Amino acid sequence: MTNTKTRTLLRSDELSCPSCVPKIEGALRALAGVEKAEVKFASGRIEVEHDPAQTSVDALVQAIARTGYTARPSAF
């Protein structure tokens, strides 16, 4: 069995306070295949390490949307 991990970078320009960090990280970590989720409040950068066979980038974005924030794939 192959363990394929992908690192996906997302960006959100809506992070208004540090209390959103655990909310977003928790929503992402609850998804199947997500091994790591880290939100950088100051930069709006969200880094997720996940198995793309279990969780798509769209699913990551939707999980963030359910917390009340928007995010988009980013190259930074």
PDB file of N, CA and C in Angstrom:
ATOM      1  N   MET A   1       0.842  -1.181   0.000  1.00  0.00           N
ATOM      2  CA  MET A   1       0.000   0.000   0.000  1.00  0.00           C
ATOM      3  C   MET A   1       0.885   1.242   0.000  1.00  0.00           C
ATOM      4  N   THR A   2       0.652   2.147  -0.910  1.00  0.00           N
ATOM      5  CA  THR A   2       1.442   3.355  -1.029  1.00  0.00           C
ATOM      6  C   THR A   2       0.832   4.470  -0.189  1.00  0.00           C
ATOM      7  N   ASN A   3       1.693   5.125   0.568  1.00  0.00           N
ATOM      8  CA  ASN A   3       1.242   6.258   1.372  1.00  0.00           C
ATOM      9  C   ASN A   3       1.647   7.528   0.640  1.00  0.00           C
ATOM     10  N   THR A   4       0.744   8.084  -0.126  1.00  0.00           N
ATOM     11  CA  THR A   4       1.031   9.266  -0.917  1.00  0.00           C
ATOM     12  C   THR A   4       0.501  10.494  -0.206  1.00  0.00           C
ATOM     13  N   LYS A   5       1.419  11.378   0.153  1.00  0.00           N
ATOM     14  CA  LYS A   5       1.012  12.617   0.799  1.00  0.00           C
ATOM     15  C   LYS A   5       1.231  13.775  -0.155  1.00  0.00           C
ATOM     16  N   THR A   6       0.341  14.724  -0.097  1.00  0.00           N
ATOM     17  CA  THR A   6       0.447  15.940  -0.877  1.00  0.00           C
ATOM     18  C   THR A   6       0.426  17.116   0.078  1.00  0.00           C
ATOM     19  N   ARG A   7       1.232  18.106  -0.214  1.00  0.00           N
ATOM     20  CA  ARG A   7       1.198  19.344   0.559  1.00  0.00           C
ATOM     21  C   ARG A   7       0.456  20.370  -0.273  1.00  0.00           C
ATOM     22  N   THR A   8      -0.666  20.822   0.243  1.00  0.00           N
ATOM     23  CA  THR A   8      -1.486  21.808  -0.450  1.00  0.00           C
ATOM     24  C   THR A   8      -1.398  23.127   0.294  1.00  0.00           C
ATOM     25  N   LEU A   9      -1.147  24.192  -0.460  1.00  0.00           N
ATOM     26  CA  LEU A   9      -1.103  25.531   0.114  1.00  0.00           C
ATOM     27  C   LEU A   9      -2.364  26.279  -0.284  1.00  0.00           C
ATOM     28  N   LEU A  10      -3.008  26.859   0.700  1.00  0.00           N
ATOM     29  CA  LEU A  10      -4.208  27.657   0.481  1.00  0.00           C
ATOM     30  C   LEU A  10      -3.961  29.036   1.073  1.00  0.00           C
ATOM     31  N   ARG A  11      -4.781  29.976   0.664  1.00  0.00           N
ATOM     32  CA  ARG A  11      -4.671  31.336   1.198  1.00  0.00           C
ATOM     33  C   ARG A  11      -6.070  31.854   1.503  1.00  0.00           C
ATOM     34  N   SER A  12      -6.152  32.560   2.626  1.00  0.00           N
ATOM     35  CA  SER A  12      -7.394  33.231   2.993  1.00  0.00           C
ATOM     36  C   SER A  12      -7.069  34.659   3.387  1.00  0.00           C
ATOM     37  N   ASP A  13      -7.780  35.603   2.798  1.00  0.00           N
ATOM     38  CA  ASP A  13      -7.585  37.019   3.122  1.00  0.00           C
ATOM     39  C   ASP A  13      -8.585  37.482   4.174  1.00  0.00           C
ATOM     40  N   GLU A  14      -9.355  36.541   4.730  1.00  0.00           N
ATOM     41  CA  GLU A  14     -10.426  36.896   5.652  1.00  0.00           C
ATOM     42  C   GLU A  14     -10.114  36.612   7.115  1.00  0.00           C
ATOM     43  N   LEU A  15      -8.926  36.165   7.434  1.00  0.00           N
ATOM     44  CA  LEU A  15      -8.614  35.820   8.809  1.00  0.00           C
ATOM     45  C   LEU A  15      -8.525  37.101   9.635  1.00  0.00           C
ATOM     46  N   SER A  16      -9.523  37.304  10.483  1.00  0.00           N
ATOM     47  CA  SER A  16      -9.632  38.580  11.198  1.00  0.00           C
ATOM     48  C   SER A  16      -9.116  38.542  12.629  1.00  0.00           C
ATOM     49  N   CYS A  17      -8.964  37.355  13.201  1.00  0.00           N
ATOM     50  CA  CYS A  17      -8.454  37.267  14.564  1.00  0.00           C
ATOM     51  C   CYS A  17      -7.816  35.895  14.776  1.00  0.00           C
ATOM     52  N   PRO A  18      -6.901  35.793  15.722  1.00  0.00           N
ATOM     53  CA  PRO A  18      -6.214  34.524  15.951  1.00  0.00           C
ATOM     54  C   PRO A  18      -7.132  33.378  16.378  1.00  0.00           C
ATOM     55  N   SER A  19      -8.322  33.672  16.868  1.00  0.00           N
ATOM     56  CA  SER A  19      -9.216  32.602  17.303  1.00  0.00           C
ATOM     57  C   SER A  19      -9.730  31.761  16.141  1.00  0.00           C
ATOM     58  N   CYS A  20      -9.593  32.250  14.905  1.00  0.00           N
ATOM     59  CA  CYS A  20     -10.026  31.463  13.755  1.00  0.00           C
ATOM     60  C   CYS A  20      -9.068  30.312  13.471  1.00  0.00           C
ATOM     61  N   VAL A  21      -7.838  30.413  13.955  1.00  0.00           N
ATOM     62  CA  VAL A  21      -6.821  29.402  13.656  1.00  0.00           C
ATOM     63  C   VAL A  21      -7.234  28.008  14.129  1.00  0.00           C
ATOM     64  N   PRO A  22      -7.544  27.804  15.408  1.00  0.00           N
ATOM     65  CA  PRO A  22      -7.923  26.440  15.822  1.00  0.00           C
ATOM     66  C   PRO A  22      -9.222  25.956  15.185  1.00  0.00           C
ATOM     67  N   LYS A  23     -10.109  26.870  14.892  1.00  0.00           N
ATOM     68  CA  LYS A  23     -11.383  26.509  14.246  1.00  0.00           C
ATOM     69  C   LYS A  23     -11.124  25.909  12.859  1.00  0.00           C
ATOM     70  N   ILE A  24     -10.300  26.577  12.070  1.00  0.00           N
ATOM     71  CA  ILE A  24      -9.987  26.116  10.713  1.00  0.00           C
ATOM     72  C   ILE A  24      -9.132  24.848  10.763  1.00  0.00           C
ATOM     73  N   GLU A  25      -8.111  24.846  11.613  1.00  0.00           N
ATOM     74  CA  GLU A  25      -7.255  23.662  11.716  1.00  0.00           C
ATOM     75  C   GLU A  25      -8.065  22.435  12.131  1.00  0.00           C
ATOM     76  N   GLY A  26      -8.975  22.596  13.058  1.00  0.00           N
ATOM     77  CA  GLY A  26      -9.812  21.482  13.503  1.00  0.00           C
ATOM     78  C   GLY A  26     -10.710  20.955  12.402  1.00  0.00           C
ATOM     79  N   ALA A  27     -11.290  21.864  11.632  1.00  0.00           N
ATOM     80  CA  ALA A  27     -12.163  21.451  10.527  1.00  0.00           C
ATOM     81  C   ALA A  27     -11.373  20.671   9.474  1.00  0.00           C
ATOM     82  N   LEU A  28     -10.159  21.102   9.205  1.00  0.00           N
ATOM     83  CA  LEU A  28      -9.336  20.412   8.216  1.00  0.00           C
ATOM     84  C   LEU A  28      -8.868  19.051   8.736  1.00  0.00           C
ATOM     85  N   ARG A  29      -8.434  19.006   9.987  1.00  0.00           N
ATOM     86  CA  ARG A  29      -7.945  17.739  10.568  1.00  0.00           C
ATOM     87  C   ARG A  29      -9.043  16.700  10.698  1.00  0.00           C
ATOM     88  N   ALA A  30     -10.285  17.131  10.710  1.00  0.00           N
ATOM     89  CA  ALA A  30     -11.409  16.192  10.808  1.00  0.00           C
ATOM     90  C   ALA A  30     -11.665  15.446   9.497  1.00  0.00           C
ATOM     91  N   LEU A  31     -11.082  15.920   8.403  1.00  0.00           N
ATOM     92  CA  LEU A  31     -11.279  15.276   7.098  1.00  0.00           C
ATOM     93  C   LEU A  31     -10.419  14.018   6.987  1.00  0.00           C
ATOM     94  N   ALA A  32     -10.958  13.021   6.325  1.00  0.00           N
ATOM     95  CA  ALA A  32     -10.211  11.781   6.087  1.00  0.00           C
ATOM     96  C   ALA A  32      -8.949  12.081   5.285  1.00  0.00           C
ATOM     97  N   GLY A  33      -7.847  11.492   5.700  1.00  0.00           N
ATOM     98  CA  GLY A  33      -6.604  11.625   4.956  1.00  0.00           C
ATOM     99  C   GLY A  33      -5.778  12.847   5.294  1.00  0.00           C
ATOM    100  N   VAL A  34      -6.295  13.752   6.118  1.00  0.00           N
ATOM    101  CA  VAL A  34      -5.520  14.943   6.493  1.00  0.00           C
ATOM    102  C   VAL A  34      -4.624  14.575   7.666  1.00  0.00           C
ATOM    103  N   GLU A  35      -3.322  14.749   7.466  1.00  0.00           N
ATOM    104  CA  GLU A  35      -2.352  14.431   8.508  1.00  0.00           C
ATOM    105  C   GLU A  35      -1.875  15.673   9.244  1.00  0.00           C
ATOM    106  N   LYS A  36      -1.897  16.809   8.585  1.00  0.00           N
ATOM    107  CA  LYS A  36      -1.400  18.031   9.197  1.00  0.00           C
ATOM    108  C   LYS A  36      -2.153  19.214   8.611  1.00  0.00           C
ATOM    109  N   ALA A  37      -2.515  20.152   9.458  1.00  0.00           N
ATOM    110  CA  ALA A  37      -3.139  21.395   9.004  1.00  0.00           C
ATOM    111  C   ALA A  37      -2.574  22.517   9.857  1.00  0.00           C
ATOM    112  N   GLU A  38      -2.009  23.509   9.206  1.00  0.00           N
ATOM    113  CA  GLU A  38      -1.393  24.614   9.927  1.00  0.00           C
ATOM    114  C   GLU A  38      -1.816  25.937   9.298  1.00  0.00           C
ATOM    115  N   VAL A  39      -2.397  26.800  10.115  1.00  0.00           N
ATOM    116  CA  VAL A  39      -2.861  28.106   9.659  1.00  0.00           C
ATOM    117  C   VAL A  39      -1.919  29.171  10.204  1.00  0.00           C
ATOM    118  N   LYS A  40      -1.429  30.017   9.325  1.00  0.00           N
ATOM    119  CA  LYS A  40      -0.592  31.160   9.713  1.00  0.00           C
ATOM    120  C   LYS A  40      -1.472  32.398   9.657  1.00  0.00           C
ATOM    121  N   PHE A  41      -1.906  32.847  10.819  1.00  0.00           N
ATOM    122  CA  PHE A  41      -2.849  33.955  10.899  1.00  0.00           C
ATOM    123  C   PHE A  41      -2.327  35.214  10.206  1.00  0.00           C
ATOM    124  N   ALA A  42      -1.105  35.618  10.480  1.00  0.00           N
ATOM    125  CA  ALA A  42      -0.572  36.886   9.970  1.00  0.00           C
ATOM    126  C   ALA A  42      -0.501  36.945   8.446  1.00  0.00           C
ATOM    127  N   SER A  43      -0.177  35.814   7.823  1.00  0.00           N
ATOM    128  CA  SER A  43      -0.012  35.809   6.363  1.00  0.00           C
ATOM    129  C   SER A  43      -1.240  35.284   5.623  1.00  0.00           C
ATOM    130  N   GLY A  44      -2.156  34.634   6.330  1.00  0.00           N
ATOM    131  CA  GLY A  44      -3.314  34.032   5.674  1.00  0.00           C
ATOM    132  C   GLY A  44      -2.987  32.723   4.987  1.00  0.00           C
ATOM    133  N   ARG A  45      -1.815  32.196   5.256  1.00  0.00           N
ATOM    134  CA  ARG A  45      -1.361  30.952   4.625  1.00  0.00           C
ATOM    135  C   ARG A  45      -1.901  29.752   5.391  1.00  0.00           C
ATOM    136  N   ILE A  46      -2.399  28.778   4.657  1.00  0.00           N
ATOM    137  CA  ILE A  46      -2.911  27.545   5.241  1.00  0.00           C
ATOM    138  C   ILE A  46      -2.203  26.392   4.530  1.00  0.00           C
ATOM    139  N   GLU A  47      -1.490  25.594   5.296  1.00  0.00           N
ATOM    140  CA  GLU A  47      -0.748  24.469   4.731  1.00  0.00           C
ATOM    141  C   GLU A  47      -1.381  23.173   5.221  1.00  0.00           C
ATOM    142  N   VAL A  48      -1.698  22.298   4.277  1.00  0.00           N
ATOM    143  CA  VAL A  48      -2.355  21.038   4.625  1.00  0.00           C
ATOM    144  C   VAL A  48      -1.581  19.888   3.995  1.00  0.00           C
ATOM    145  N   GLU A  49      -1.246  18.912   4.812  1.00  0.00           N
ATOM    146  CA  GLU A  49      -0.618  17.690   4.321  1.00  0.00           C
ATOM    147  C   GLU A  49      -1.694  16.612   4.346  1.00  0.00           C
ATOM    148  N   HIS A  50      -1.974  16.041   3.179  1.00  0.00           N
ATOM    149  CA  HIS A  50      -3.087  15.096   3.083  1.00  0.00           C
ATOM    150  C   HIS A  50      -2.873  14.074   1.986  1.00  0.00           C
ATOM    151  N   ASP A  51      -3.701  13.047   2.027  1.00  0.00           N
ATOM    152  CA  ASP A  51      -3.714  12.014   0.996  1.00  0.00           C
ATOM    153  C   ASP A  51      -4.753  12.430  -0.045  1.00  0.00           C
ATOM    154  N   PRO A  52      -4.330  12.776  -1.257  1.00  0.00           N
ATOM    155  CA  PRO A  52      -5.282  13.248  -2.266  1.00  0.00           C
ATOM    156  C   PRO A  52      -6.280  12.183  -2.707  1.00  0.00           C
ATOM    157  N   ALA A  53      -6.001  10.914  -2.429  1.00  0.00           N
ATOM    158  CA  ALA A  53      -6.965   9.858  -2.759  1.00  0.00           C
ATOM    159  C   ALA A  53      -8.149   9.876  -1.794  1.00  0.00           C
ATOM    160  N   GLN A  54      -7.947  10.483  -0.624  1.00  0.00           N
ATOM    161  CA  GLN A  54      -9.011  10.546   0.373  1.00  0.00           C
ATOM    162  C   GLN A  54      -9.663  11.925   0.473  1.00  0.00           C
ATOM    163  N   THR A  55      -8.889  12.978   0.252  1.00  0.00           N
ATOM    164  CA  THR A  55      -9.409  14.338   0.400  1.00  0.00           C
ATOM    165  C   THR A  55      -8.870  15.221  -0.715  1.00  0.00           C
ATOM    166  N   SER A  56      -9.778  15.829  -1.459  1.00  0.00           N
ATOM    167  CA  SER A  56      -9.395  16.706  -2.570  1.00  0.00           C
ATOM    168  C   SER A  56      -9.174  18.133  -2.082  1.00  0.00           C
ATOM    169  N   VAL A  57      -8.569  18.943  -2.922  1.00  0.00           N
ATOM    170  CA  VAL A  57      -8.391  20.356  -2.616  1.00  0.00           C
ATOM    171  C   VAL A  57      -9.760  21.020  -2.451  1.00  0.00           C
ATOM    172  N   ASP A  58     -10.719  20.645  -3.284  1.00  0.00           N
ATOM    173  CA  ASP A  58     -12.078  21.198  -3.151  1.00  0.00           C
ATOM    174  C   ASP A  58     -12.671  20.886  -1.781  1.00  0.00           C
ATOM    175  N   ALA A  59     -12.427  19.677  -1.279  1.00  0.00           N
ATOM    176  CA  ALA A  59     -12.942  19.304   0.048  1.00  0.00           C
ATOM    177  C   ALA A  59     -12.282  20.149   1.135  1.00  0.00           C
ATOM    178  N   LEU A  60     -11.003  20.467   0.971  1.00  0.00           N
ATOM    179  CA  LEU A  60     -10.317  21.326   1.936  1.00  0.00           C
ATOM    180  C   LEU A  60     -10.955  22.716   1.951  1.00  0.00           C
ATOM    181  N   VAL A  61     -11.169  23.261   0.760  1.00  0.00           N
ATOM    182  CA  VAL A  61     -11.772  24.596   0.629  1.00  0.00           C
ATOM    183  C   VAL A  61     -13.187  24.601   1.218  1.00  0.00           C
ATOM    184  N   GLN A  62     -13.935  23.545   0.975  1.00  0.00           N
ATOM    185  CA  GLN A  62     -15.302  23.460   1.508  1.00  0.00           C
ATOM    186  C   GLN A  62     -15.310  23.353   3.026  1.00  0.00           C
ATOM    187  N   ALA A  63     -14.351  22.627   3.594  1.00  0.00           N
ATOM    188  CA  ALA A  63     -14.266  22.517   5.054  1.00  0.00           C
ATOM    189  C   ALA A  63     -13.991  23.874   5.675  1.00  0.00           C
ATOM    190  N   ILE A  64     -13.138  24.649   5.036  1.00  0.00           N
ATOM    191  CA  ILE A  64     -12.850  26.002   5.527  1.00  0.00           C
ATOM    192  C   ILE A  64     -14.095  26.870   5.391  1.00  0.00           C
ATOM    193  N   ALA A  65     -14.807  26.726   4.293  1.00  0.00           N
ATOM    194  CA  ALA A  65     -16.038  27.512   4.085  1.00  0.00           C
ATOM    195  C   ALA A  65     -17.070  27.232   5.171  1.00  0.00           C
ATOM    196  N   ARG A  66     -17.125  25.990   5.633  1.00  0.00           N
ATOM    197  CA  ARG A  66     -18.072  25.642   6.699  1.00  0.00           C
ATOM    198  C   ARG A  66     -17.732  26.339   8.019  1.00  0.00           C
ATOM    199  N   THR A  67     -16.496  26.804   8.168  1.00  0.00           N
ATOM    200  CA  THR A  67     -16.118  27.540   9.375  1.00  0.00           C
ATOM    201  C   THR A  67     -16.417  29.026   9.238  1.00  0.00           C
ATOM    202  N   GLY A  68     -16.864  29.438   8.041  1.00  0.00           N
ATOM    203  CA  GLY A  68     -17.217  30.838   7.827  1.00  0.00           C
ATOM    204  C   GLY A  68     -16.164  31.659   7.102  1.00  0.00           C
ATOM    205  N   TYR A  69     -15.133  30.998   6.584  1.00  0.00           N
ATOM    206  CA  TYR A  69     -14.052  31.698   5.882  1.00  0.00           C
ATOM    207  C   TYR A  69     -13.919  31.147   4.468  1.00  0.00           C
ATOM    208  N   THR A  70     -13.344  31.945   3.600  1.00  0.00           N
ATOM    209  CA  THR A  70     -13.067  31.450   2.245  1.00  0.00           C
ATOM    210  C   THR A  70     -11.573  31.249   2.105  1.00  0.00           C
ATOM    211  N   ALA A  71     -11.217  30.337   1.218  1.00  0.00           N
ATOM    212  CA  ALA A  71      -9.803  30.055   0.937  1.00  0.00           C
ATOM    213  C   ALA A  71      -9.706  29.649  -0.512  1.00  0.00           C
ATOM    214  N   ARG A  72      -8.517  29.791  -1.038  1.00  0.00           N
ATOM    215  CA  ARG A  72      -8.256  29.405  -2.428  1.00  0.00           C
ATOM    216  C   ARG A  72      -6.858  28.805  -2.520  1.00  0.00           C
ATOM    217  N   PRO A  73      -6.643  27.929  -3.499  1.00  0.00           N
ATOM    218  CA  PRO A  73      -5.294  27.389  -3.690  1.00  0.00           C
ATOM    219  C   PRO A  73      -4.298  28.523  -3.951  1.00  0.00           C
ATOM    220  N   SER A  74      -3.095  28.342  -3.481  1.00  0.00           N
ATOM    221  CA  SER A  74      -2.080  29.380  -3.601  1.00  0.00           C
ATOM    222  C   SER A  74      -0.733  28.735  -3.876  1.00  0.00           C
ATOM    223  N   ALA A  75       0.132  29.474  -4.529  1.00  0.00           N
ATOM    224  CA  ALA A  75       1.470  28.971  -4.820  1.00  0.00           C
ATOM    225  C   ALA A  75       2.497  29.430  -3.786  1.00  0.00           C
ATOM    226  N   PHE A  76       2.109  30.320  -2.871  1.00  0.00           N
ATOM    227  CA  PHE A  76       3.101  30.852  -1.927  1.00  0.00           C
ATOM    228  C   PHE A  76       3.230  30.015  -0.679  1.00  0.00           C
TER     229      PHE A  76
END
